[in-house]
Amino acid sequence: MVNVPQDLDGASTRELKELVQTLLQEIGELRRENAALRDEIARLKGKPPRPDIKPSGMAEKAAGRGQSAGKGGGKSRGRGSKRSRLTIDADFILKPANVPDGARFKGYEDYVVQDLGVRARTIRYRRERWGLPDGTTITADLPEGMSGHYGGELQRLVLSLYHRGQMTIPRITRQLNDLGVVIEDRQVRRLLTERTDGFLQEARDVLLAGVATASWISVDDTGARHQARNGYCTQIGDDRFTAFATTGVKSRLNFLEILRAGHTAYVINAEALAYMNGRDLSGEVIARLAEGPSYFPDVESWQAHLATLGIDQFKVTPDPVRIATEGALYGAIRHHGLLDDTVVLSDGAGQFRIARHALCWVHAERLVNGLDTFNTAQRKAVDRVRRRIWWLYADLKAYAASPSRQRKVELKARFNRLFNRRTGLVPLDRLLRRLFARKDALLMVLQRPEVPLHTNGSENDIRSQVTRRKISGGTRSDRGRDCRDGFLGVMKTCDKLGVSFWQYLGDRLAIPGSQEVPSLGDLVRARAPNSA
């Protein structure tokens, strides 16, 4: 028991502090006893125990007491000195206003300040002109990389403000006007789309390199406006690269076209025929396709071949033209060495269900959380299932970090028990059965531990497209659409590769003094899972 002084008003500060500390200790002990009693009551009632949720460590980190991330903890590690990462560009010696007689000089005390100089600069190139005896003239060439009346540094700033800063064209124009640059909206728009062929080609190469070397890819899509019509922007990426492609429709056919990564061919091979057979295409149609030519360089030759075989005349379900085209696209993907044993991770949307497919656990749990409940019993049933899903999710995450055969068998058994249970809530039971039917996709991590359990990477990547859509609406020209997708893709890829997007723009725009940045496609290939 706490020894409380009889006269609190007359107690000393030391006695009051001791009293408070003793009370806090006893309160803590009572809370622990209460929690233990609650657990014992839950055990006697057959309820699951409380989840063992460990503290995040944010408070300890904020107070400078966080443990190191290595095994066994250890001493806390600070962020390190920022000055060690800085390059001193200028030194200024400051002297005291009054130095008394007899004082001795004892060196310097450094005080480092980071600053930025932004100003408009107008350059006039006086190009010599010489007349030749034949009456013609020659004029000195402009410096290498010069194009138009706005320099590379200005274009780099415009590209960075638009894509990294997510600013609108009118705001960029106003900002440049404030800095003293004489420029209008239409000229800013040209800086965003002109001299960009190299960037767009590199964005296509990033997609090709990523799809060709990825162990897994995470995919997602979102709405996009183009030429005043609704469309869709598809994201493809992993932890090394990101690519975007905006099209007018959302379908598996569209997704397969994007996965060709710039190739235009349609191919009938073993993979294509297996795809068609798996989509219940008529055996007669498959036989006709198998007997004919196998390679078609473009869509025109492919459609002509379908017409020659009379496949476009079939009026059955599923549509033979669509399934055959999807199969030929998948055959072309495999023909070019893409998606070689690659797992496609998605939120469960039908257009993404190709090749080896994995499902996001977060989206699966959202289906359970979104069920309508109307009384306490139903809410408790949903909550119990949700808790068990998250416990299983945590154990799958631990398995991915340290796989074992025994743990794999145990996790499969737990999955079966969880998704075959009967809760008494009919909509919940039906949903659990539907999720159980997707067992292989949800438990892909047991076969491929490197595959994430969620599509958070795609959600993060595509957020830049959503922000751009909210700020600027849609695009008007195909060039503008391609530049938006291409630049956002290479920017995200730079972030994942640890490359400065600012330095990347400077190197590609041939700005003097810029740091050299290797091809992003080559960097993606160099960091492939099997490159070592």
Protein backbone atom coordinates (compact mmCIF):
# COMPACT_ATOMS: atom_id res chain seq x y z
CA MET A 1 0.00 0.00 0.00
CA VAL A 2 1.04 3.58 -0.58
CA ASN A 3 2.17 5.51 2.47
CA VAL A 4 0.24 8.77 2.03
CA PRO A 5 1.34 11.72 4.21
CA GLN A 6 -1.46 12.98 6.48
CA ASP A 7 -0.89 16.60 5.53
CA LEU A 8 -0.39 16.82 1.74
CA ASP A 9 -0.36 20.60 1.83
CA GLY A 10 2.56 20.57 4.19
CA ALA A 11 4.48 17.78 2.43
CA SER A 12 7.81 18.62 0.86
CA THR A 13 8.47 18.45 -2.88
CA ARG A 14 10.62 15.36 -2.39
CA GLU A 15 7.83 13.54 -0.49
CA LEU A 16 5.28 14.43 -3.21
CA LYS A 17 7.60 13.14 -5.97
CA GLU A 18 8.11 9.85 -4.13
CA LEU A 19 4.33 9.55 -3.67
CA VAL A 20 3.66 10.11 -7.41
CA GLN A 21 6.33 7.58 -8.45
CA THR A 22 4.92 4.97 -6.06
CA LEU A 23 1.37 5.54 -7.33
CA LEU A 24 2.47 5.21 -10.97
CA GLN A 25 4.20 1.91 -10.21
CA GLU A 26 1.13 0.51 -8.47
CA ILE A 27 -1.15 1.67 -11.31
CA GLY A 28 1.08 -0.16 -13.79
CA GLU A 29 0.96 -3.34 -11.72
CA LEU A 30 -2.82 -3.14 -11.47
CA ARG A 31 -3.14 -2.72 -15.23
CA ARG A 32 -1.00 -5.78 -15.85
CA GLU A 33 -3.02 -7.81 -13.36
CA ASN A 34 -6.25 -6.63 -15.03
CA ALA A 35 -4.96 -7.63 -18.48
CA ALA A 36 -3.94 -11.06 -17.18
CA LEU A 37 -7.40 -11.58 -15.66
CA ARG A 38 -9.06 -10.56 -18.95
CA ASP A 39 -6.92 -13.08 -20.84
CA GLU A 40 -7.82 -15.82 -18.36
CA ILE A 41 -11.52 -15.03 -18.67
CA ALA A 42 -11.24 -15.07 -22.49
CA ARG A 43 -9.44 -18.44 -22.33
CA LEU A 44 -12.17 -19.94 -20.11
CA LYS A 45 -14.82 -18.69 -22.55
CA GLY A 46 -12.95 -20.18 -25.51
CA LYS A 47 -12.16 -16.82 -27.06
CA PRO A 48 -8.88 -16.10 -28.86
CA PRO A 49 -6.18 -14.30 -26.82
CA ARG A 50 -5.28 -10.69 -27.41
CA PRO A 51 -2.85 -10.16 -30.31
CA ASP A 52 0.74 -9.57 -29.24
CA ILE A 53 1.20 -6.12 -30.77
CA LYS A 54 4.68 -4.77 -30.21
CA PRO A 55 5.31 -1.04 -29.83
CA SER A 56 6.36 0.77 -33.00
CA GLY A 57 9.40 2.34 -31.38
CA MET A 58 8.45 5.80 -32.65
CA ALA A 59 8.53 7.30 -29.16
CA GLU A 60 11.91 5.77 -28.40
CA LYS A 61 13.31 7.02 -31.68
CA ALA A 62 11.96 10.50 -31.04
CA ALA A 63 13.63 10.51 -27.62
CA GLY A 64 16.89 9.16 -29.03
CA ARG A 65 16.49 5.78 -27.32
CA GLY A 66 15.60 3.64 -30.35
CA GLN A 67 17.41 0.32 -30.78
CA SER A 68 19.38 -0.51 -33.88
CA ALA A 69 17.76 -2.62 -36.57
CA GLY A 70 20.41 -5.31 -36.36
CA LYS A 71 19.99 -8.62 -34.57
CA GLY A 72 20.01 -8.41 -30.81
CA GLY A 73 19.40 -4.66 -30.69
CA GLY A 74 22.46 -2.74 -29.57
CA LYS A 75 23.24 0.88 -29.02
CA SER A 76 21.11 3.52 -30.69
CA ARG A 77 22.48 4.91 -33.90
CA GLY A 78 22.02 8.56 -34.76
CA ARG A 79 21.31 9.97 -38.16
CA GLY A 80 24.90 11.10 -38.61
CA SER A 81 26.19 14.55 -39.38
CA LYS A 82 24.64 16.30 -42.39
CA ARG A 83 27.86 18.28 -42.85
CA SER A 84 29.68 15.10 -43.90
CA ARG A 85 27.40 14.96 -46.96
CA LEU A 86 27.94 18.58 -47.98
CA THR A 87 30.47 20.13 -50.33
CA ILE A 88 31.66 23.60 -49.32
CA ASP A 89 31.34 25.96 -52.29
CA ALA A 90 32.50 29.19 -50.67
CA ASP A 91 34.27 30.31 -47.49
CA PHE A 92 33.74 33.67 -45.83
CA ILE A 93 35.90 34.80 -42.91
CA LEU A 94 34.03 36.78 -40.28
CA LYS A 95 35.87 38.91 -37.76
CA PRO A 96 34.59 40.18 -34.42
CA ALA A 97 33.63 43.86 -34.34
CA ASN A 98 36.06 44.67 -31.55
CA VAL A 99 39.05 42.57 -30.51
CA PRO A 100 40.58 43.76 -27.20
CA ASP A 101 44.32 44.22 -26.89
CA GLY A 102 46.13 41.14 -25.67
CA ALA A 103 43.66 38.68 -27.26
CA ARG A 104 45.14 35.61 -28.96
CA PHE A 105 43.88 34.14 -32.27
CA LYS A 106 42.62 30.58 -31.66
CA GLY A 107 41.47 29.48 -35.11
CA TYR A 108 37.94 29.37 -36.51
CA GLU A 109 34.54 28.15 -35.41
CA ASP A 110 32.70 26.92 -38.52
CA TYR A 111 29.02 27.61 -39.13
CA VAL A 112 27.67 25.96 -42.30
CA VAL A 113 24.64 27.38 -44.16
CA GLN A 114 22.90 25.82 -47.17
CA ASP A 115 21.40 28.28 -49.62
CA LEU A 116 20.08 28.34 -53.16
CA GLY A 117 20.52 30.88 -55.92
CA VAL A 118 17.70 31.12 -58.47
CA ARG A 119 17.72 33.93 -60.99
CA ALA A 120 16.83 34.56 -64.60
CA ARG A 121 19.69 34.86 -67.04
CA THR A 122 19.49 35.99 -70.66
CA ILE A 123 22.35 34.96 -72.93
CA ARG A 124 23.06 36.46 -76.33
CA TYR A 125 25.06 34.31 -78.73
CA ARG A 126 26.72 36.52 -81.34
CA ARG A 127 27.19 34.11 -84.22
CA GLU A 128 29.78 35.15 -86.75
CA ARG A 129 28.68 35.23 -90.37
CA TRP A 130 31.11 34.96 -93.24
CA GLY A 131 30.47 35.59 -96.90
CA LEU A 132 31.99 33.20 -99.40
CA PRO A 133 33.22 34.07 -102.89
CA ASP A 134 30.29 32.22 -104.44
CA GLY A 135 27.83 34.55 -102.70
CA THR A 136 26.73 32.18 -99.94
CA THR A 137 27.31 32.69 -96.21
CA ILE A 138 28.31 30.51 -93.31
CA THR A 139 27.19 31.09 -89.71
CA ALA A 140 28.70 29.76 -86.49
CA ASP A 141 26.83 26.87 -84.92
CA LEU A 142 25.02 27.18 -81.60
CA PRO A 143 26.46 25.25 -78.62
CA GLU A 144 25.72 21.52 -78.51
CA GLY A 145 22.31 20.70 -77.11
CA MET A 146 20.87 24.15 -77.79
CA SER A 147 17.34 24.03 -79.16
CA GLY A 148 14.90 26.93 -79.25
CA HIS A 149 15.10 30.15 -77.31
CA TYR A 150 14.94 28.58 -73.85
CA GLY A 151 17.97 26.82 -72.38
CA GLY A 152 18.36 23.38 -70.87
CA GLU A 153 18.40 24.63 -67.29
CA LEU A 154 15.03 26.32 -67.79
CA GLN A 155 13.54 23.19 -69.35
CA ARG A 156 14.92 21.08 -66.50
CA LEU A 157 13.26 23.38 -63.97
CA VAL A 158 9.95 23.28 -65.85
CA LEU A 159 10.02 19.46 -66.06
CA SER A 160 10.88 19.16 -62.37
CA LEU A 161 8.19 21.60 -61.23
CA TYR A 162 5.54 19.91 -63.37
CA HIS A 163 6.30 16.25 -62.61
CA ARG A 164 8.06 16.28 -59.24
CA GLY A 165 6.32 19.36 -57.87
CA GLN A 166 2.94 18.49 -59.43
CA MET A 167 2.40 22.14 -60.42
CA THR A 168 0.03 23.27 -63.15
CA ILE A 169 1.23 25.04 -66.28
CA PRO A 170 -0.31 28.42 -65.30
CA ARG A 171 1.41 28.29 -61.91
CA ILE A 172 4.75 27.40 -63.47
CA THR A 173 4.37 30.31 -65.88
CA ARG A 174 3.57 32.69 -63.03
CA GLN A 175 6.54 31.44 -61.00
CA LEU A 176 8.92 31.93 -63.93
CA ASN A 177 7.49 35.40 -64.57
CA ASP A 178 8.15 36.26 -60.92
CA LEU A 179 11.77 35.22 -61.42
CA GLY A 180 12.08 37.51 -64.43
CA VAL A 181 11.65 35.00 -67.26
CA VAL A 182 9.50 36.27 -70.13
CA ILE A 183 7.44 33.20 -71.02
CA GLU A 184 3.81 32.21 -71.65
CA ASP A 185 1.70 29.11 -71.03
CA ARG A 186 2.02 27.82 -74.58
CA GLN A 187 5.81 28.04 -74.37
CA VAL A 188 5.86 26.18 -71.05
CA ARG A 189 3.69 23.50 -72.65
CA ARG A 190 6.23 23.14 -75.45
CA LEU A 191 9.05 22.72 -72.94
CA LEU A 192 7.08 19.84 -71.42
CA THR A 193 6.64 18.00 -74.72
CA GLU A 194 9.47 19.06 -77.07
CA ARG A 195 12.92 17.47 -77.03
CA THR A 196 11.42 14.53 -75.17
CA ASP A 197 11.84 11.65 -77.67
CA GLY A 198 14.82 10.33 -75.73
CA PHE A 199 12.89 10.39 -72.46
CA LEU A 200 9.95 8.48 -73.95
CA GLN A 201 12.27 5.90 -75.49
CA GLU A 202 13.98 5.42 -72.13
CA ALA A 203 10.60 4.98 -70.43
CA ARG A 204 9.78 2.21 -72.92
CA ASP A 205 13.18 0.62 -72.32
CA VAL A 206 12.55 0.68 -68.56
CA LEU A 207 9.29 -1.24 -69.06
CA LEU A 208 11.00 -3.75 -71.36
CA ALA A 209 13.90 -4.27 -68.97
CA GLY A 210 11.58 -4.61 -65.99
CA VAL A 211 9.17 -7.12 -67.51
CA ALA A 212 12.05 -9.14 -68.98
CA THR A 213 13.93 -9.51 -65.67
CA ALA A 214 11.32 -9.26 -62.90
CA SER A 215 10.68 -12.10 -60.49
CA TRP A 216 7.34 -10.44 -59.74
CA ILE A 217 5.46 -7.36 -60.87
CA SER A 218 2.77 -5.44 -59.00
CA VAL A 219 0.00 -3.89 -61.09
CA ASP A 220 -2.87 -1.47 -60.61
CA ASP A 221 -4.92 1.04 -62.59
CA THR A 222 -6.85 4.26 -62.09
CA GLY A 223 -9.08 6.56 -64.09
CA ALA A 224 -7.51 9.00 -66.57
CA ARG A 225 -8.98 11.66 -68.84
CA HIS A 226 -7.67 12.05 -72.38
CA GLN A 227 -9.16 14.26 -75.09
CA ALA A 228 -12.26 14.85 -72.93
CA ARG A 229 -12.96 11.11 -72.66
CA ASN A 230 -12.60 8.77 -69.72
CA GLY A 231 -9.81 6.24 -69.92
CA TYR A 232 -7.53 4.24 -67.65
CA CYS A 233 -3.91 4.50 -66.61
CA THR A 234 -2.23 1.16 -65.86
CA GLN A 235 0.78 0.90 -63.54
CA ILE A 236 3.37 -1.89 -63.76
CA GLY A 237 6.41 -2.14 -61.50
CA ASP A 238 8.43 -3.83 -58.79
CA ASP A 239 11.05 -2.55 -56.34
CA ARG A 240 13.34 -1.48 -59.25
CA PHE A 241 11.12 0.19 -61.83
CA THR A 242 7.75 1.78 -62.58
CA ALA A 243 5.95 2.23 -65.90
CA PHE A 244 2.62 3.84 -66.77
CA ALA A 245 0.42 3.49 -69.86
CA THR A 246 -2.88 5.30 -70.47
CA THR A 247 -5.44 3.69 -72.77
CA GLY A 248 -9.11 4.12 -73.53
CA VAL A 249 -10.35 0.81 -72.13
CA LYS A 250 -9.78 -1.52 -69.20
CA SER A 251 -9.51 -5.15 -70.26
CA ARG A 252 -7.20 -8.16 -70.22
CA LEU A 253 -6.57 -7.55 -73.92
CA ASN A 254 -5.39 -4.04 -73.15
CA PHE A 255 -3.16 -5.28 -70.30
CA LEU A 256 -1.51 -7.88 -72.53
CA GLU A 257 -0.81 -5.23 -75.17
CA ILE A 258 0.98 -3.12 -72.56
CA LEU A 259 3.01 -6.11 -71.36
CA ARG A 260 4.45 -6.56 -74.85
CA ALA A 261 6.60 -3.54 -73.90
CA GLY A 262 6.73 -1.94 -77.33
CA HIS A 263 6.68 -5.09 -79.47
CA THR A 264 3.90 -5.26 -82.06
CA ALA A 265 3.89 -8.93 -83.07
CA TYR A 266 1.23 -11.61 -82.53
CA VAL A 267 2.58 -15.14 -82.10
CA ILE A 268 0.92 -18.55 -82.08
CA ASN A 269 3.11 -20.91 -80.07
CA ALA A 270 2.68 -23.50 -77.32
CA GLU A 271 2.11 -20.81 -74.68
CA ALA A 272 -0.52 -19.11 -76.84
CA LEU A 273 -2.41 -22.35 -77.49
CA ALA A 274 -2.29 -23.26 -73.79
CA TYR A 275 -3.69 -19.82 -72.93
CA MET A 276 -6.58 -20.26 -75.39
CA ASN A 277 -7.34 -23.74 -74.06
CA GLY A 278 -7.37 -22.40 -70.50
CA ARG A 279 -9.94 -19.75 -71.52
CA ASP A 280 -12.32 -22.40 -72.95
CA LEU A 281 -11.78 -21.50 -76.60
CA SER A 282 -13.34 -23.98 -79.02
CA GLY A 283 -11.09 -26.89 -79.93
CA GLU A 284 -11.93 -26.37 -83.59
CA VAL A 285 -10.71 -22.77 -83.48
CA ILE A 286 -7.52 -23.79 -81.67
CA ALA A 287 -6.85 -26.48 -84.27
CA ARG A 288 -7.26 -23.99 -87.14
CA LEU A 289 -4.84 -21.55 -85.49
CA ALA A 290 -2.30 -24.29 -84.74
CA GLU A 291 -2.19 -25.42 -88.36
CA GLY A 292 -1.58 -21.97 -89.86
CA PRO A 293 1.28 -19.44 -89.72
CA SER A 294 2.70 -18.68 -86.30
CA TYR A 295 4.11 -15.13 -86.54
CA PHE A 296 2.28 -11.92 -87.46
CA PRO A 297 4.26 -8.65 -87.36
CA ASP A 298 1.34 -6.29 -86.70
CA VAL A 299 -2.36 -6.10 -85.91
CA GLU A 300 -3.39 -5.78 -89.56
CA SER A 301 -1.79 -9.07 -90.57
CA TRP A 302 -3.26 -10.79 -87.51
CA GLN A 303 -6.79 -9.59 -88.20
CA ALA A 304 -6.47 -10.59 -91.84
CA HIS A 305 -5.43 -14.10 -90.73
CA LEU A 306 -8.48 -14.40 -88.46
CA ALA A 307 -10.73 -13.34 -91.34
CA THR A 308 -9.09 -15.89 -93.66
CA LEU A 309 -9.78 -18.67 -91.17
CA GLY A 310 -13.35 -17.45 -90.74
CA ILE A 311 -12.93 -17.12 -86.98
CA ASP A 312 -14.46 -13.63 -87.02
CA GLN A 313 -17.72 -15.22 -88.21
CA PHE A 314 -18.24 -17.34 -85.09
CA LYS A 315 -21.00 -15.99 -82.84
CA VAL A 316 -20.39 -17.92 -79.66
CA THR A 317 -19.39 -17.29 -76.05
CA PRO A 318 -16.62 -16.68 -75.22
CA ASP A 319 -15.83 -14.50 -78.22
CA PRO A 320 -13.25 -16.51 -80.25
CA VAL A 321 -11.66 -13.40 -81.77
CA ARG A 322 -11.01 -11.88 -78.35
CA ILE A 323 -9.69 -15.09 -76.77
CA ALA A 324 -7.53 -15.88 -79.82
CA THR A 325 -6.11 -12.35 -79.80
CA GLU A 326 -5.36 -12.53 -76.10
CA GLY A 327 -3.62 -15.85 -76.66
CA ALA A 328 -1.56 -14.49 -79.56
CA LEU A 329 -0.53 -11.51 -77.43
CA TYR A 330 0.50 -13.80 -74.59
CA GLY A 331 2.37 -15.93 -77.11
CA ALA A 332 4.21 -12.81 -78.31
CA ILE A 333 5.10 -11.88 -74.72
CA ARG A 334 6.64 -15.30 -74.15
CA HIS A 335 8.23 -15.30 -77.64
CA HIS A 336 10.18 -12.15 -76.72
CA GLY A 337 11.36 -13.62 -73.41
CA LEU A 338 9.06 -11.56 -71.19
CA LEU A 339 7.23 -12.74 -68.03
CA ASP A 340 9.55 -15.72 -67.66
CA ASP A 341 8.13 -17.35 -64.51
CA THR A 342 7.12 -13.87 -63.34
CA VAL A 343 4.36 -13.59 -60.72
CA VAL A 344 1.71 -10.93 -61.41
CA LEU A 345 0.53 -9.42 -58.11
CA SER A 346 -2.77 -7.52 -58.19
CA ASP A 347 -5.81 -6.49 -56.17
CA GLY A 348 -7.89 -9.22 -57.82
CA ALA A 349 -9.21 -7.29 -60.84
CA GLY A 350 -10.05 -9.72 -63.65
CA GLN A 351 -7.93 -8.07 -66.35
CA PHE A 352 -4.75 -8.81 -64.38
CA ARG A 353 -5.31 -12.56 -63.99
CA ILE A 354 -2.67 -13.93 -66.32
CA ALA A 355 0.41 -16.14 -65.97
CA ARG A 356 1.24 -16.94 -62.33
CA HIS A 357 -1.05 -14.73 -60.31
CA ALA A 358 -0.88 -13.57 -56.68
CA LEU A 359 -3.53 -11.69 -54.70
CA CYS A 360 -3.15 -8.78 -52.31
CA TRP A 361 -4.13 -9.71 -48.74
CA VAL A 362 -5.05 -6.14 -47.88
CA HIS A 363 -7.71 -6.05 -50.60
CA ALA A 364 -8.95 -9.49 -49.57
CA GLU A 365 -9.43 -8.29 -45.98
CA ARG A 366 -11.23 -5.19 -47.23
CA LEU A 367 -13.92 -7.44 -48.69
CA VAL A 368 -14.56 -8.89 -45.23
CA ASN A 369 -14.46 -5.47 -43.59
CA GLY A 370 -16.92 -4.10 -46.14
CA LEU A 371 -19.69 -6.59 -45.35
CA ASP A 372 -22.90 -5.09 -44.00
CA THR A 373 -23.73 -6.14 -40.44
CA PHE A 374 -26.96 -5.36 -38.59
CA ASN A 375 -26.52 -6.62 -35.03
CA THR A 376 -23.89 -7.31 -32.41
CA ALA A 377 -23.54 -11.02 -33.24
CA GLN A 378 -22.87 -10.31 -36.91
CA ARG A 379 -20.32 -7.62 -36.08
CA LYS A 380 -18.54 -9.98 -33.71
CA ALA A 381 -18.43 -12.69 -36.37
CA VAL A 382 -16.83 -10.32 -38.89
CA ASP A 383 -14.37 -9.00 -36.30
CA ARG A 384 -13.27 -12.51 -35.34
CA VAL A 385 -12.57 -13.41 -38.97
CA ARG A 386 -10.71 -10.14 -39.56
CA ARG A 387 -8.49 -10.72 -36.53
CA ARG A 388 -7.64 -14.23 -37.70
CA ILE A 389 -6.86 -12.94 -41.20
CA TRP A 390 -4.41 -10.39 -39.82
CA TRP A 391 -2.78 -12.99 -37.55
CA LEU A 392 -2.33 -15.30 -40.52
CA TYR A 393 -1.02 -12.36 -42.55
CA ALA A 394 1.60 -11.60 -39.89
CA ASP A 395 2.75 -15.23 -39.83
CA LEU A 396 2.97 -15.33 -43.64
CA LYS A 397 5.11 -12.23 -43.46
CA ALA A 398 7.40 -13.95 -40.95
CA TYR A 399 7.54 -17.02 -43.21
CA ALA A 400 8.67 -14.86 -46.14
CA ALA A 401 11.59 -13.63 -44.04
CA SER A 402 12.55 -17.15 -42.91
CA PRO A 403 10.91 -19.97 -44.95
CA SER A 404 10.74 -23.53 -43.64
CA ARG A 405 8.99 -26.67 -44.83
CA GLN A 406 7.26 -27.33 -41.51
CA ARG A 407 6.00 -23.76 -41.25
CA LYS A 408 4.67 -23.98 -44.81
CA VAL A 409 2.52 -27.01 -43.96
CA GLU A 410 1.22 -25.32 -40.79
CA LEU A 411 0.25 -22.12 -42.65
CA LYS A 412 -1.63 -24.07 -45.32
CA ALA A 413 -3.58 -25.89 -42.63
CA ARG A 414 -4.43 -22.61 -40.89
CA PHE A 415 -5.60 -21.13 -44.19
CA ASN A 416 -7.89 -24.11 -44.75
CA ARG A 417 -9.40 -23.83 -41.27
CA LEU A 418 -9.91 -20.08 -41.53
CA PHE A 419 -11.58 -19.95 -44.94
CA ASN A 420 -13.61 -23.15 -44.56
CA ARG A 421 -15.18 -22.13 -41.24
CA ARG A 422 -18.90 -21.56 -40.80
CA THR A 423 -19.70 -18.35 -38.96
CA GLY A 424 -23.49 -18.34 -39.19
CA LEU A 425 -23.43 -15.11 -41.24
CA VAL A 426 -24.38 -16.24 -44.76
CA PRO A 427 -22.71 -13.38 -46.72
CA LEU A 428 -19.50 -13.88 -44.73
CA ASP A 429 -19.52 -17.65 -45.30
CA ARG A 430 -20.00 -17.14 -49.04
CA LEU A 431 -17.15 -14.64 -49.16
CA LEU A 432 -14.84 -17.00 -47.27
CA ARG A 433 -15.61 -19.77 -49.76
CA ARG A 434 -14.84 -17.43 -52.66
CA LEU A 435 -11.53 -16.48 -51.08
CA PHE A 436 -10.76 -20.14 -50.42
CA ALA A 437 -11.16 -20.77 -54.14
CA ARG A 438 -8.29 -18.29 -54.67
CA LYS A 439 -6.04 -20.20 -52.28
CA ASP A 440 -3.11 -20.58 -54.68
CA ALA A 441 -3.05 -16.85 -55.43
CA LEU A 442 -3.33 -15.83 -51.77
CA LEU A 443 -0.65 -18.32 -50.67
CA MET A 444 1.79 -17.57 -53.50
CA VAL A 445 4.28 -16.42 -50.85
CA LEU A 446 4.65 -20.05 -49.71
CA GLN A 447 6.03 -20.94 -53.14
CA ARG A 448 7.75 -17.63 -53.87
CA PRO A 449 8.77 -15.90 -50.60
CA GLU A 450 10.10 -12.87 -52.50
CA VAL A 451 6.60 -11.91 -53.69
CA PRO A 452 4.99 -9.21 -51.46
CA LEU A 453 1.72 -9.90 -49.67
CA HIS A 454 0.22 -6.58 -50.72
CA THR A 455 0.10 -4.08 -53.58
CA ASN A 456 1.18 -1.09 -51.50
CA GLY A 457 3.99 -0.40 -53.97
CA SER A 458 1.51 0.00 -56.81
CA GLU A 459 -0.78 2.13 -54.65
CA ASN A 460 2.15 4.44 -53.91
CA ASP A 461 3.29 4.59 -57.53
CA ILE A 462 -0.10 5.34 -59.01
CA ARG A 463 -0.82 8.05 -56.46
CA SER A 464 1.25 10.46 -58.58
CA GLN A 465 -1.09 9.84 -61.50
CA VAL A 466 -4.14 10.40 -59.29
CA THR A 467 -2.67 13.67 -58.01
CA ARG A 468 -1.91 14.85 -61.55
CA ARG A 469 -5.48 14.02 -62.62
CA LYS A 470 -6.94 15.99 -59.72
CA ILE A 471 -4.70 18.98 -60.40
CA SER A 472 -4.77 19.18 -64.19
CA GLY A 473 -7.75 17.13 -65.28
CA GLY A 474 -6.78 15.32 -68.48
CA THR A 475 -4.48 15.57 -71.47
CA ARG A 476 -5.37 16.95 -74.87
CA SER A 477 -2.80 15.47 -77.24
CA ASP A 478 -1.33 11.98 -77.54
CA ARG A 479 2.09 13.55 -77.11
CA GLY A 480 1.05 15.17 -73.84
CA ARG A 481 -0.40 11.88 -72.57
CA ASP A 482 2.77 9.96 -73.46
CA CYS A 483 5.00 12.61 -71.85
CA ARG A 484 2.97 12.57 -68.64
CA ASP A 485 3.14 8.77 -68.39
CA GLY A 486 6.77 8.57 -69.48
CA PHE A 487 8.16 11.24 -67.17
CA LEU A 488 6.22 10.03 -64.13
CA GLY A 489 7.49 6.51 -64.85
CA VAL A 490 11.16 7.48 -65.12
CA MET A 491 10.82 9.73 -62.04
CA LYS A 492 9.49 6.84 -59.95
CA THR A 493 12.18 4.57 -61.40
CA CYS A 494 14.88 7.08 -60.45
CA ASP A 495 13.55 7.12 -56.89
CA LYS A 496 13.65 3.33 -56.65
CA LEU A 497 17.17 3.15 -58.11
CA GLY A 498 18.48 5.90 -55.83
CA VAL A 499 19.14 8.24 -58.77
CA SER A 500 18.54 11.99 -58.48
CA PHE A 501 15.75 12.93 -60.88
CA TRP A 502 17.26 16.44 -61.12
CA GLN A 503 20.66 15.05 -62.13
CA TYR A 504 18.96 12.66 -64.55
CA LEU A 505 17.21 15.54 -66.31
CA GLY A 506 20.44 17.53 -66.46
CA ASP A 507 22.37 14.67 -68.06
CA ARG A 508 19.69 13.86 -70.62
CA LEU A 509 19.30 17.55 -71.56
CA ALA A 510 23.11 17.83 -72.00
CA ILE A 511 23.43 20.64 -69.46
CA PRO A 512 27.13 21.47 -68.95
CA GLY A 513 28.53 20.24 -65.65
CA SER A 514 25.72 17.74 -65.03
CA GLN A 515 26.53 14.43 -63.40
CA GLU A 516 26.48 11.49 -65.80
CA VAL A 517 23.58 9.11 -65.21
CA PRO A 518 23.65 5.64 -66.83
CA SER A 519 20.72 4.28 -68.82
CA LEU A 520 17.84 3.53 -66.45
CA GLY A 521 17.04 0.37 -68.40
CA ASP A 522 20.60 -0.88 -67.87
CA LEU A 523 20.38 -0.11 -64.17
CA VAL A 524 17.12 -2.05 -63.93
CA ARG A 525 18.72 -5.03 -65.70
CA ALA A 526 21.80 -4.84 -63.47
CA ARG A 527 19.63 -5.09 -60.36
CA ALA A 528 17.58 -8.02 -61.57
CA PRO A 529 17.04 -10.76 -58.94
CA ASN A 530 19.08 -13.29 -60.95
CA SER A 531 21.76 -10.87 -62.18
CA ALA A 532 24.16 -11.85 -59.41
